Amino acid sequence: MRLGLLRDHDFRLLFTADTISQVGTQVTLLALPLVAVLTLDATALEVGVLAACETAAFLLVGLPAGALVDRLRRRGTMIVADVLRAALLASVPLAWWMDQLRMPQLYVVGLLCGVCTVFFDVAYQSYLPFLVGKEHLVEGNARLEMVRSTSQIGGPTVAGGLVKLLGGPWAIATDAASYLVSALALWRIRKIEDRPVRKADAHLGREIMEGLRFVLGNRLLRAISMCTGTGNFFGSIFNVMLIIYLARDLALSPSLIGVFFSVTGLGALAGAFLVGPFVRWFGQGPAMWISMLGASLGGLLVPFAQADWRLWLAAFGMILFGVGVVVYNVTQVSFRQQITPDALLGRMNATMRFIVWGTMPIGGLVGGLLGAAIGVHPTIWLACAGELLSVVPLVLSPLRKLRELTSAPSAGTEVVRK
């Protein structure tokens, strides 16, 4: 990739904010469950509940968040969300230092950080088209996906080292600081949105229903939501069990676990580079189902992991999974942003997040229950096999052959096949 959008001052600030925040988030994604497992000796069920708390906000506030974001300046929403996440995460090392850290606090922090993340993510995906223009969405999403992918490589290694040297709570403190720096970068963006005009007859419930009708009334968006929701459900089961399996069943050190996740992050980075050519070769629709099929097949190598060379066979499977998921995510998010009117962007993104992330707390709980009932390793096998089901909605929809969209969608979107 050439510099492209990175020449733009405001996009560079968004890029910088996202880079800092994503690296810090990767630290916490590994450190928070490790604090539960290694510091508080949490059970598989407790780790499952923690995972559910971290994503439950998309079910609890996902739909109203979209309507509220459409009433607010999106950059300001992101700044407030960053500051609040910093304060919440800072409470973990403080409680640990005072010898008061308990699992209920981790549940509350995970839940409230999730609420902030709902507002941040909905605002961020709705702000990008304003910042770069719809004609640059694929490049903008690919650049930001590259940030996330790079953070997946470096973040877990940093997290593993920090957990080993300082302990999990102080690793989480670094994430709290990163959110403050991210908020500062966002505050320095020059391009400011006009405050959305609120209609005299505005009604929160009616606005939420408009977003639901827009997504569920469109056959293509329905297929994407079913695919992503299914993948996230089984992915949540997988993620809950994998850290327990590596840390407890295989007795790997935190630093080695960090290296494992960093190596697997190479797939996400490769996917960010490949998404542009991949979409040009296959078209938007085929790129979605082909990439998800490849990701699911790669994931089937992960359950073979043992504390020997097979750990790196599993890492190779995770690399393939990362390539596929990133190509799919950039393609479908850009597709959604392109076909949605500006006034509905917040509600569309919130409705999609409500549907596709709403399956995650359910998956986390199911994963914890299955891990306690049938064991951690069999649950990982079940989750990896279940990921294959996510491809089915795409293959059964017009997206199977759709190369590009030519008009804004309705229940009968006009498409052109080439």
Protein backbone atom coordinates (compact mmCIF):
# COMPACT_ATOMS: atom_id res chain seq x y z
CA MET A 1 0.00 0.00 0.00
CA ARG A 2 1.18 3.55 -0.75
CA LEU A 3 0.60 6.39 1.70
CA GLY A 4 -2.85 7.17 0.29
CA LEU A 5 -5.12 8.36 3.10
CA LEU A 6 -2.17 8.64 5.49
CA ARG A 7 -1.33 11.92 3.75
CA ASP A 8 -4.49 13.36 5.30
CA HIS A 9 -3.89 15.04 8.68
CA ASP A 10 -7.19 14.02 10.25
CA PHE A 11 -7.06 10.42 9.06
CA ARG A 12 -3.51 10.16 10.46
CA LEU A 13 -4.82 11.23 13.86
CA LEU A 14 -7.63 8.67 13.69
CA PHE A 15 -5.06 6.10 12.57
CA THR A 16 -2.77 7.05 15.48
CA ALA A 17 -5.58 6.96 18.03
CA ASP A 18 -6.70 3.58 16.78
CA THR A 19 -3.13 2.21 16.83
CA ILE A 20 -2.53 3.21 20.45
CA SER A 21 -5.94 2.01 21.60
CA GLN A 22 -5.76 -1.31 19.74
CA VAL A 23 -2.35 -2.24 21.15
CA GLY A 24 -3.58 -1.47 24.65
CA THR A 25 -6.76 -3.44 24.05
CA GLN A 26 -4.77 -6.48 22.95
CA VAL A 27 -2.86 -6.28 26.23
CA THR A 28 -6.12 -6.36 28.20
CA LEU A 29 -7.73 -9.09 26.05
CA LEU A 30 -4.97 -11.41 27.21
CA ALA A 31 -4.28 -9.90 30.63
CA LEU A 32 -7.86 -9.75 31.96
CA PRO A 33 -8.62 -13.48 31.62
CA LEU A 34 -5.09 -14.30 32.80
CA VAL A 35 -5.74 -12.22 35.93
CA ALA A 36 -8.89 -14.27 36.44
CA VAL A 37 -7.16 -17.62 35.82
CA LEU A 38 -3.75 -17.05 37.44
CA THR A 39 -4.38 -14.38 40.11
CA LEU A 40 -7.93 -15.25 41.19
CA ASP A 41 -7.85 -18.97 40.23
CA ALA A 42 -11.10 -18.64 38.25
CA THR A 43 -12.96 -21.74 37.05
CA ALA A 44 -13.94 -22.39 33.42
CA LEU A 45 -17.47 -21.20 34.20
CA GLU A 46 -16.22 -17.99 35.81
CA VAL A 47 -14.04 -17.24 32.78
CA GLY A 48 -17.09 -17.88 30.59
CA VAL A 49 -19.15 -15.44 32.65
CA LEU A 50 -16.36 -12.85 32.36
CA ALA A 51 -16.34 -13.27 28.58
CA ALA A 52 -20.13 -12.89 28.55
CA CYS A 53 -19.92 -9.69 30.59
CA GLU A 54 -17.40 -8.18 28.18
CA THR A 55 -19.81 -8.53 25.26
CA ALA A 56 -23.24 -8.41 26.96
CA ALA A 57 -23.46 -4.67 26.34
CA PHE A 58 -24.20 -5.28 22.66
CA LEU A 59 -27.39 -7.02 23.73
CA LEU A 60 -28.25 -4.56 26.51
CA VAL A 61 -27.61 -1.19 24.83
CA GLY A 62 -26.73 -2.04 21.22
CA LEU A 63 -29.96 -0.82 19.61
CA PRO A 64 -30.50 2.44 21.54
CA ALA A 65 -26.78 3.23 21.14
CA GLY A 66 -27.24 3.47 17.37
CA ALA A 67 -30.15 5.88 17.62
CA LEU A 68 -28.30 7.99 20.21
CA VAL A 69 -25.09 8.09 18.14
CA ASP A 70 -27.10 9.38 15.17
CA ARG A 71 -28.18 12.29 17.40
CA LEU A 72 -24.62 13.17 18.55
CA ARG A 73 -21.30 14.24 17.09
CA ARG A 74 -19.50 10.96 16.57
CA ARG A 75 -15.98 12.18 17.32
CA GLY A 76 -17.10 13.49 20.73
CA THR A 77 -18.79 10.18 21.46
CA MET A 78 -15.53 8.33 20.81
CA ILE A 79 -13.55 10.68 23.09
CA VAL A 80 -15.95 10.23 26.01
CA ALA A 81 -15.93 6.44 25.53
CA ASP A 82 -12.11 6.38 25.62
CA VAL A 83 -11.91 8.42 28.84
CA LEU A 84 -14.50 6.25 30.58
CA ARG A 85 -12.73 3.03 29.56
CA ALA A 86 -9.47 4.41 30.96
CA ALA A 87 -11.10 5.09 34.34
CA LEU A 88 -12.76 1.68 34.50
CA LEU A 89 -9.62 -0.25 33.66
CA ALA A 90 -7.53 1.78 36.10
CA SER A 91 -9.74 0.46 38.91
CA VAL A 92 -8.39 -3.09 38.40
CA PRO A 93 -4.73 -2.49 39.37
CA LEU A 94 -5.91 -0.13 42.12
CA ALA A 95 -8.12 -2.82 43.68
CA TRP A 96 -5.37 -5.41 43.31
CA TRP A 97 -2.87 -3.09 45.01
CA MET A 98 -5.34 -2.71 47.90
CA ASP A 99 -5.85 -6.52 48.00
CA GLN A 100 -9.53 -6.05 47.17
CA LEU A 101 -9.68 -7.46 43.63
CA ARG A 102 -12.43 -10.07 43.19
CA MET A 103 -14.22 -11.65 40.25
CA PRO A 104 -17.38 -9.49 40.67
CA GLN A 105 -15.26 -6.39 40.01
CA LEU A 106 -13.86 -7.95 36.84
CA TYR A 107 -17.43 -8.71 35.76
CA VAL A 108 -18.51 -5.09 36.32
CA VAL A 109 -15.43 -3.64 34.60
CA GLY A 110 -15.91 -5.97 31.65
CA LEU A 111 -19.60 -5.06 31.36
CA LEU A 112 -19.17 -1.28 31.61
CA CYS A 113 -16.16 -1.25 29.31
CA GLY A 114 -18.36 -3.17 26.89
CA VAL A 115 -20.99 -0.41 27.07
CA CYS A 116 -18.33 2.18 26.23
CA THR A 117 -17.06 -0.02 23.40
CA VAL A 118 -20.57 -0.25 21.92
CA PHE A 119 -20.78 3.53 21.66
CA PHE A 120 -17.18 3.88 20.44
CA ASP A 121 -17.48 1.23 17.74
CA VAL A 122 -20.84 2.42 16.44
CA ALA A 123 -19.56 6.02 16.34
CA TYR A 124 -16.26 5.02 14.73
CA GLN A 125 -17.84 3.03 11.91
CA SER A 126 -20.30 5.86 11.31
CA TYR A 127 -17.60 8.57 11.47
CA LEU A 128 -15.21 7.05 8.93
CA PRO A 129 -17.41 7.75 5.85
CA PHE A 130 -17.64 11.41 6.93
CA LEU A 131 -13.88 11.64 7.44
CA VAL A 132 -12.66 9.98 4.22
CA GLY A 133 -15.68 9.89 1.89
CA LYS A 134 -17.45 6.76 0.73
CA GLU A 135 -15.15 6.40 -2.28
CA HIS A 136 -12.20 5.72 0.09
CA LEU A 137 -13.95 3.35 2.50
CA VAL A 138 -12.20 0.14 1.44
CA GLU A 139 -8.79 1.80 1.80
CA GLY A 140 -9.75 3.44 5.10
CA ASN A 141 -11.11 0.21 6.58
CA ALA A 142 -8.10 -1.74 5.29
CA ARG A 143 -5.68 0.77 6.90
CA LEU A 144 -7.47 0.56 10.22
CA GLU A 145 -7.75 -3.22 9.98
CA MET A 146 -3.99 -3.26 9.43
CA VAL A 147 -3.65 -1.39 12.74
CA ARG A 148 -5.74 -4.01 14.49
CA SER A 149 -3.80 -6.79 12.83
CA THR A 150 -0.41 -5.34 13.74
CA SER A 151 -1.58 -4.88 17.32
CA GLN A 152 -2.55 -8.56 17.37
CA ILE A 153 1.08 -9.38 16.56
CA GLY A 154 2.78 -7.05 19.03
CA GLY A 155 0.09 -6.72 21.70
CA PRO A 156 0.03 -10.30 23.03
CA THR A 157 3.84 -10.46 23.20
CA VAL A 158 3.86 -7.23 25.18
CA ALA A 159 1.00 -8.53 27.33
CA GLY A 160 2.71 -11.85 28.04
CA GLY A 161 5.94 -10.06 29.02
CA LEU A 162 4.12 -7.56 31.22
CA VAL A 163 2.07 -10.26 32.95
CA LYS A 164 5.25 -12.25 33.62
CA LEU A 165 7.31 -9.26 34.83
CA LEU A 166 4.69 -7.08 36.54
CA GLY A 167 1.57 -9.21 36.91
CA GLY A 168 -1.72 -9.01 35.06
CA PRO A 169 -3.20 -5.99 36.91
CA TRP A 170 -0.32 -3.69 35.95
CA ALA A 171 -0.54 -4.91 32.36
CA ILE A 172 -4.15 -3.72 32.39
CA ALA A 173 -2.97 -0.34 33.69
CA THR A 174 -1.08 0.17 30.41
CA ASP A 175 -4.34 -0.18 28.52
CA ALA A 176 -5.98 2.44 30.73
CA ALA A 177 -3.20 4.87 29.81
CA SER A 178 -3.50 4.02 26.11
CA TYR A 179 -7.16 5.05 26.03
CA LEU A 180 -6.26 8.50 27.35
CA VAL A 181 -3.66 8.98 24.60
CA SER A 182 -6.21 7.77 22.03
CA ALA A 183 -8.73 10.33 23.31
CA LEU A 184 -6.13 13.11 22.97
CA ALA A 185 -5.41 12.18 19.34
CA LEU A 186 -9.13 12.15 18.50
CA TRP A 187 -9.57 15.55 20.17
CA ARG A 188 -6.95 17.03 17.79
CA ILE A 189 -8.86 16.07 14.62
CA ARG A 190 -9.75 19.26 12.74
CA LYS A 191 -12.67 18.05 10.63
CA ILE A 192 -15.71 18.53 12.84
CA GLU A 193 -19.18 17.28 12.03
CA ASP A 194 -22.21 19.49 12.21
CA ARG A 195 -24.48 18.58 15.07
CA PRO A 196 -27.21 16.33 13.64
CA VAL A 197 -30.54 18.08 13.28
CA ARG A 198 -33.07 16.48 15.58
CA LYS A 199 -36.57 16.35 14.19
CA ALA A 200 -39.35 17.81 16.31
CA ASP A 201 -41.17 14.48 16.31
CA ALA A 202 -38.03 12.42 17.04
CA HIS A 203 -38.77 9.28 19.05
CA LEU A 204 -36.09 6.86 20.25
CA GLY A 205 -38.24 3.76 19.80
CA ARG A 206 -39.27 4.74 16.28
CA GLU A 207 -35.65 5.49 15.31
CA ILE A 208 -34.55 2.09 16.62
CA MET A 209 -37.26 0.41 14.54
CA GLU A 210 -36.07 2.27 11.42
CA GLY A 211 -32.62 0.76 11.89
CA LEU A 212 -34.04 -2.72 12.44
CA ARG A 213 -36.27 -2.49 9.37
CA PHE A 214 -33.38 -1.27 7.24
CA VAL A 215 -31.12 -4.21 8.18
CA LEU A 216 -33.68 -6.99 8.42
CA GLY A 217 -35.53 -5.83 5.33
CA ASN A 218 -32.45 -6.19 3.17
CA ARG A 219 -31.60 -9.69 2.01
CA LEU A 220 -27.88 -9.00 1.69
CA LEU A 221 -27.52 -7.44 5.15
CA ARG A 222 -29.52 -10.31 6.64
CA ALA A 223 -27.09 -12.85 5.17
CA ILE A 224 -24.08 -10.91 6.48
CA SER A 225 -25.61 -10.64 9.96
CA MET A 226 -26.37 -14.38 10.07
CA CYS A 227 -22.85 -15.28 8.94
CA THR A 228 -21.11 -12.95 11.39
CA GLY A 229 -23.45 -13.80 14.26
CA THR A 230 -22.88 -17.53 13.82
CA GLY A 231 -19.12 -17.06 13.56
CA ASN A 232 -19.05 -14.89 16.68
CA PHE A 233 -21.13 -17.37 18.67
CA PHE A 234 -18.74 -20.27 18.05
CA GLY A 235 -15.74 -17.92 18.19
CA SER A 236 -16.73 -16.88 21.72
CA ILE A 237 -16.92 -20.51 22.83
CA PHE A 238 -13.48 -21.03 21.28
CA ASN A 239 -11.86 -17.93 22.82
CA VAL A 240 -13.09 -18.71 26.34
CA MET A 241 -11.67 -22.23 26.23
CA LEU A 242 -8.41 -21.54 24.36
CA ILE A 243 -6.78 -19.41 27.07
CA ILE A 244 -7.76 -21.95 29.75
CA TYR A 245 -6.41 -24.78 27.58
CA LEU A 246 -3.08 -23.07 26.94
CA ALA A 247 -2.55 -21.76 30.48
CA ARG A 248 -3.89 -24.67 32.53
CA ASP A 249 -4.09 -27.86 30.43
CA LEU A 250 -0.84 -27.31 28.51
CA ALA A 251 0.80 -25.34 31.37
CA LEU A 252 2.35 -22.78 29.00
CA SER A 253 3.92 -19.66 30.52
CA PRO A 254 2.23 -16.27 30.04
CA SER A 255 5.13 -15.14 27.84
CA LEU A 256 4.83 -18.21 25.58
CA ILE A 257 1.06 -17.69 25.34
CA GLY A 258 1.79 -14.11 24.29
CA VAL A 259 4.21 -15.30 21.61
CA PHE A 260 1.61 -17.81 20.36
CA PHE A 261 -1.03 -15.12 19.90
CA SER A 262 1.50 -12.77 18.33
CA VAL A 263 2.45 -15.38 15.72
CA THR A 264 -1.20 -16.02 14.95
CA GLY A 265 -1.65 -12.28 14.45
CA LEU A 266 0.49 -12.52 11.31
CA GLY A 267 -2.58 -13.85 9.53
CA ALA A 268 -4.60 -10.75 10.36
CA LEU A 269 -1.80 -8.50 9.11
CA ALA A 270 -1.53 -10.49 5.88
CA GLY A 271 -5.29 -10.27 5.43
CA ALA A 272 -5.19 -6.47 5.70
CA PHE A 273 -2.67 -6.36 2.83
CA LEU A 274 -4.53 -8.93 0.73
CA VAL A 275 -8.08 -7.60 1.02
CA GLY A 276 -7.79 -5.08 -1.84
CA PRO A 277 -6.46 -7.53 -4.45
CA PHE A 278 -8.78 -10.26 -3.15
CA VAL A 279 -11.89 -8.13 -3.68
CA ARG A 280 -10.69 -7.08 -7.14
CA TRP A 281 -10.12 -10.71 -8.15
CA PHE A 282 -13.33 -12.23 -6.82
CA GLY A 283 -15.75 -9.34 -6.24
CA GLN A 284 -17.34 -8.26 -2.95
CA GLY A 285 -19.79 -11.13 -2.49
CA PRO A 286 -17.51 -14.06 -3.43
CA ALA A 287 -14.69 -12.51 -1.37
CA MET A 288 -16.91 -12.77 1.71
CA TRP A 289 -17.84 -16.45 1.51
CA ILE A 290 -14.47 -17.65 0.14
CA SER A 291 -12.57 -15.88 2.94
CA MET A 292 -14.89 -17.23 5.64
CA LEU A 293 -14.61 -20.76 4.29
CA GLY A 294 -10.82 -20.50 4.34
CA ALA A 295 -10.88 -19.13 7.88
CA SER A 296 -13.10 -21.96 9.13
CA LEU A 297 -10.92 -24.64 7.53
CA GLY A 298 -7.79 -23.12 9.06
CA GLY A 299 -9.43 -23.10 12.48
CA LEU A 300 -9.80 -26.89 12.39
CA LEU A 301 -6.03 -27.19 12.96
CA VAL A 302 -6.18 -25.43 16.33
CA PRO A 303 -7.52 -28.34 18.46
CA PHE A 304 -4.38 -30.35 17.59
CA ALA A 305 -2.29 -28.04 19.82
CA GLN A 306 -0.01 -29.70 22.37
CA ALA A 307 3.03 -28.48 24.31
CA ASP A 308 5.37 -29.45 21.44
CA TRP A 309 5.69 -28.79 17.68
CA ARG A 310 1.90 -29.18 17.35
CA LEU A 311 1.49 -25.85 19.12
CA TRP A 312 2.90 -24.21 15.99
CA LEU A 313 0.69 -26.31 13.73
CA ALA A 314 -2.22 -24.79 15.63
CA ALA A 315 -0.63 -21.35 15.22
CA PHE A 316 -0.50 -21.92 11.45
CA GLY A 317 -4.21 -22.73 11.52
CA MET A 318 -4.84 -19.51 13.42
CA ILE A 319 -2.82 -17.59 10.80
CA LEU A 320 -5.09 -18.95 8.06
CA PHE A 321 -8.10 -18.09 10.20
CA GLY A 322 -6.83 -14.54 10.66
CA VAL A 323 -6.33 -13.98 6.93
CA GLY A 324 -9.87 -15.09 6.17
CA VAL A 325 -11.58 -13.16 8.96
CA VAL A 326 -9.83 -9.89 8.13
CA VAL A 327 -10.64 -10.13 4.41
CA TYR A 328 -14.25 -10.88 5.31
CA ASN A 329 -14.54 -8.08 7.88
CA VAL A 330 -13.04 -5.32 5.74
CA THR A 331 -15.17 -6.38 2.76
CA GLN A 332 -18.49 -6.62 4.59
CA VAL A 333 -18.03 -3.49 6.71
CA SER A 334 -17.09 -1.41 3.65
CA PHE A 335 -20.04 -2.91 1.78
CA ARG A 336 -22.46 -1.97 4.58
CA GLN A 337 -21.11 1.57 4.82
CA GLN A 338 -21.37 2.07 1.04
CA ILE A 339 -25.01 1.08 0.77
CA THR A 340 -26.33 2.89 3.87
CA PRO A 341 -27.62 6.49 3.81
CA ASP A 342 -25.64 8.81 6.11
CA ALA A 343 -28.63 9.47 8.38
CA LEU A 344 -28.96 5.73 9.10
CA LEU A 345 -25.28 4.82 9.54
CA GLY A 346 -25.35 4.80 13.34
CA ARG A 347 -28.52 2.74 13.53
CA MET A 348 -27.38 0.33 10.81
CA ASN A 349 -24.05 -0.27 12.58
CA ALA A 350 -25.75 -0.59 15.98
CA THR A 351 -28.36 -3.01 14.65
CA MET A 352 -25.66 -5.13 13.03
CA ARG A 353 -23.60 -5.07 16.22
CA PHE A 354 -26.68 -5.97 18.27
CA ILE A 355 -27.27 -9.01 16.07
CA VAL A 356 -23.71 -10.19 15.43
CA TRP A 357 -22.15 -9.31 18.79
CA GLY A 358 -25.28 -10.24 20.72
CA THR A 359 -24.40 -13.88 20.12
CA MET A 360 -21.06 -13.45 21.91
CA PRO A 361 -22.20 -13.33 25.55
CA ILE A 362 -24.40 -16.34 24.82
CA GLY A 363 -21.38 -18.10 23.32
CA GLY A 364 -19.25 -17.20 26.32
CA LEU A 365 -21.77 -18.69 28.73
CA VAL A 366 -22.31 -21.77 26.56
CA GLY A 367 -18.54 -22.20 26.35
CA GLY A 368 -18.17 -22.06 30.12
CA LEU A 369 -21.00 -24.54 30.65
CA LEU A 370 -19.68 -26.94 27.99
CA GLY A 371 -16.13 -26.67 29.36
CA ALA A 372 -17.39 -27.63 32.81
CA ALA A 373 -19.60 -30.43 31.44
CA ILE A 374 -17.54 -32.15 28.70
CA GLY A 375 -14.08 -30.67 29.18
CA VAL A 376 -12.08 -27.83 27.67
CA HIS A 377 -10.51 -29.68 24.72
CA PRO A 378 -13.74 -31.28 23.39
CA THR A 379 -15.41 -27.86 23.61
CA ILE A 380 -12.65 -26.36 21.44
CA TRP A 381 -13.26 -29.09 18.83
CA LEU A 382 -16.99 -28.36 18.85
CA ALA A 383 -16.42 -24.61 18.43
CA CYS A 384 -14.01 -25.05 15.50
CA ALA A 385 -16.41 -27.41 13.71
CA GLY A 386 -19.30 -25.02 14.34
CA GLU A 387 -17.46 -22.17 12.59
CA LEU A 388 -18.10 -23.94 9.26
CA LEU A 389 -21.83 -23.18 9.63
CA SER A 390 -21.15 -19.45 9.31
CA VAL A 391 -20.50 -19.79 5.57
CA VAL A 392 -23.96 -21.22 4.82
CA PRO A 393 -26.01 -17.95 4.88
CA LEU A 394 -23.60 -16.31 2.42
CA VAL A 395 -23.61 -19.25 0.00
CA LEU A 396 -27.42 -19.36 0.02
CA SER A 397 -27.78 -15.60 -0.71
CA PRO A 398 -27.18 -13.46 -3.83
CA LEU A 399 -23.82 -12.53 -2.29
CA ARG A 400 -22.52 -15.83 -3.63
CA LYS A 401 -22.15 -14.22 -7.09
CA LEU A 402 -22.47 -10.49 -6.34
CA ARG A 403 -19.43 -8.52 -7.51
CA GLU A 404 -20.49 -4.92 -6.86
CA LEU A 405 -23.49 -2.85 -5.82
CA THR A 406 -24.93 -0.19 -8.13
CA SER A 407 -27.63 1.47 -6.01
CA ALA A 408 -28.74 2.05 -2.43
CA PRO A 409 -30.48 -1.04 -1.07
CA SER A 410 -34.05 -1.78 -0.22
CA ALA A 411 -35.78 -5.11 0.13
CA GLY A 412 -34.99 -5.64 -3.55
CA THR A 413 -31.49 -4.24 -3.99
CA GLU A 414 -30.39 -3.73 -7.57
CA VAL A 415 -27.10 -5.50 -8.24
CA VAL A 416 -24.88 -6.12 -11.21
CA ARG A 417 -23.08 -9.41 -11.77
CA LYS A 418 -19.89 -9.50 -13.80
